[in-house]
Amino acid sequence: MILLIETVARRYVCRQNDVDTIGLPVATERDARGRAIVRCQLGPLLDPADPPAAGRLHALTIMLRRRVVELGVPRVDLLTDPPPIVPLAPFFLARLQLPWVNGVALLDDQPVIALDLRRLAADVALGLRLAHAAKDAL
């Protein structure tokens, strides 16, 4: 299954099995197993032109071995008729700053980036971020 993730300005897709839970953000700093919860909004993390969302957010929760990452997004939907995801050519993969992109899908005749949210969450948990996103307050 494929999830359609909408930020304020962009749309992305990802595999549903990359995300452990989808729901409201939790208010605690640690999960039930004592792991620290790292939070950030997905839109500004990926694109500095994508402003932080105001209002209620959905939390895409990815549970890692030592930390839990909550990626906040304004909207997320399960695609019942998922489009095929075309992998990126090796030429493009070699030029990515961070390997968070699996490929591209075509939705409503527009290309949509397919993200590897588990890899992205692991990098966020380790404190690795794009230079423009690191200076933004979470």
Protein backbone atom coordinates (compact mmCIF):
# COMPACT_ATOMS: atom_id res chain seq x y z
CA MET A 1 0.00 0.00 0.00
CA ILE A 2 1.06 3.55 -0.69
CA LEU A 3 0.48 6.66 1.44
CA LEU A 4 -0.10 10.09 -0.10
CA ILE A 5 1.48 12.71 2.15
CA GLU A 6 0.57 16.36 1.69
CA THR A 7 2.53 19.20 3.23
CA VAL A 8 1.54 22.86 2.90
CA ALA A 9 3.08 23.17 -0.59
CA ARG A 10 4.02 19.67 -1.79
CA ARG A 11 2.83 16.10 -2.20
CA TYR A 12 4.88 12.95 -1.61
CA VAL A 13 4.21 9.23 -1.57
CA CYS A 14 5.76 6.51 0.57
CA ARG A 15 5.29 2.84 1.35
CA GLN A 16 2.77 2.29 4.13
CA ASN A 17 5.08 -0.21 5.83
CA ASP A 18 7.70 2.56 6.33
CA VAL A 19 5.36 4.10 8.93
CA ASP A 20 4.57 2.29 12.18
CA THR A 21 1.59 4.43 13.21
CA ILE A 22 -0.38 7.39 11.91
CA GLY A 23 -2.26 9.57 14.37
CA LEU A 24 -2.05 12.63 16.54
CA PRO A 25 1.34 13.65 17.93
CA VAL A 26 1.94 12.47 21.50
CA ALA A 27 2.55 14.99 24.27
CA THR A 28 5.36 13.08 25.99
CA GLU A 29 9.09 13.28 25.36
CA ARG A 30 9.60 9.50 25.57
CA ASP A 31 7.63 6.48 24.41
CA ALA A 32 6.46 3.57 26.58
CA ARG A 33 9.86 1.85 26.18
CA GLY A 34 11.75 4.98 27.29
CA ARG A 35 13.02 5.93 23.81
CA ALA A 36 13.36 9.65 23.06
CA ILE A 37 10.83 11.04 20.59
CA VAL A 38 12.28 13.31 17.90
CA ARG A 39 9.73 15.57 16.20
CA CYS A 40 9.83 17.67 13.06
CA GLN A 41 7.55 18.79 10.26
CA LEU A 42 8.21 17.00 7.01
CA GLY A 43 7.52 19.92 4.66
CA PRO A 44 10.19 22.37 5.91
CA LEU A 45 12.62 19.49 6.40
CA LEU A 46 12.52 18.63 2.70
CA ASP A 47 11.97 22.07 1.16
CA PRO A 48 12.75 25.49 2.65
CA ALA A 49 10.00 27.02 0.50
CA ASP A 50 7.43 24.75 2.15
CA PRO A 51 6.25 26.69 5.22
CA PRO A 52 5.49 25.00 8.55
CA ALA A 53 1.88 23.92 8.83
CA ALA A 54 -0.40 25.61 11.33
CA GLY A 55 -3.19 23.83 13.12
CA ARG A 56 -3.71 20.13 13.64
CA LEU A 57 -1.05 17.82 12.27
CA HIS A 58 -0.93 14.10 11.68
CA ALA A 59 2.10 12.32 13.10
CA LEU A 60 3.77 9.72 10.93
CA THR A 61 5.56 7.70 13.61
CA ILE A 62 8.61 5.63 12.76
CA MET A 63 9.98 3.52 15.61
CA LEU A 64 13.70 2.95 15.44
CA ARG A 65 15.88 0.90 17.76
CA ARG A 66 16.87 3.74 20.10
CA ARG A 67 14.56 6.60 19.15
CA VAL A 68 11.11 7.32 17.82
CA VAL A 69 10.66 9.88 15.05
CA GLU A 70 7.38 11.76 14.54
CA LEU A 71 7.07 13.52 11.21
CA GLY A 72 4.27 16.08 11.27
CA VAL A 73 2.16 16.57 8.14
CA PRO A 74 -1.15 18.39 7.55
CA ARG A 75 -2.69 15.54 5.54
CA VAL A 76 -2.09 11.85 4.84
CA ASP A 77 -4.24 9.44 2.83
CA LEU A 78 -4.05 5.79 1.88
CA LEU A 79 -4.18 5.39 -1.89
CA THR A 80 -6.61 2.60 -2.78
CA ASP A 81 -5.37 2.51 -6.37
CA PRO A 82 -1.63 3.11 -5.91
CA PRO A 83 0.38 4.30 -8.89
CA PRO A 84 3.52 2.45 -9.88
CA ILE A 85 6.72 3.94 -8.48
CA VAL A 86 9.46 4.29 -11.07
CA PRO A 87 12.95 4.06 -9.54
CA LEU A 88 15.34 6.93 -10.15
CA ALA A 89 18.10 6.40 -12.68
CA PRO A 90 21.59 5.79 -11.21
CA PHE A 91 22.65 9.18 -12.63
CA PHE A 92 20.13 10.96 -10.38
CA LEU A 93 20.71 8.72 -7.36
CA ALA A 94 24.43 9.57 -7.41
CA ARG A 95 23.62 13.29 -7.22
CA LEU A 96 21.23 13.23 -4.28
CA GLN A 97 22.50 14.99 -1.16
CA LEU A 98 20.74 12.45 1.06
CA PRO A 99 19.29 9.10 -0.09
CA TRP A 100 15.68 9.70 0.93
CA VAL A 101 14.11 9.26 -2.51
CA ASN A 102 13.03 5.86 -3.86
CA GLY A 103 11.61 7.06 -7.15
CA VAL A 104 8.77 8.97 -8.73
CA ALA A 105 5.08 8.21 -9.13
CA LEU A 106 2.59 9.86 -11.46
CA LEU A 107 -0.52 11.23 -9.71
CA ASP A 108 -3.09 13.31 -11.59
CA ASP A 109 -0.60 13.62 -14.46
CA GLN A 110 2.01 15.19 -12.17
CA PRO A 111 5.22 13.59 -10.89
CA VAL A 112 5.31 12.98 -7.13
CA ILE A 113 8.49 12.05 -5.26
CA ALA A 114 8.45 8.68 -3.50
CA LEU A 115 10.23 8.94 -0.15
CA ASP A 116 12.02 6.35 1.95
CA LEU A 117 10.62 7.54 5.30
CA ARG A 118 12.44 4.89 7.32
CA ARG A 119 15.81 6.10 6.00
CA LEU A 120 14.79 9.73 6.46
CA ALA A 121 13.72 9.02 10.06
CA ALA A 122 17.02 7.31 10.83
CA ASP A 123 18.93 10.36 9.59
CA VAL A 124 16.67 12.74 11.54
CA ALA A 125 17.14 10.65 14.70
CA LEU A 126 20.91 10.94 14.27
CA GLY A 127 20.62 14.71 13.87
CA LEU A 128 21.38 14.74 10.15
CA ARG A 129 19.34 17.34 8.34
CA LEU A 130 19.57 19.56 5.37
CA ALA A 131 21.40 22.80 6.22
CA HIS A 132 18.29 24.95 5.75
CA ALA A 133 16.13 22.73 7.97
CA ALA A 134 18.63 22.48 10.82
CA LYS A 135 18.36 26.16 11.66
CA ASP A 136 14.55 26.07 11.83
CA ALA A 137 12.96 25.58 15.22
CA LEU A 138 11.05 22.34 15.62
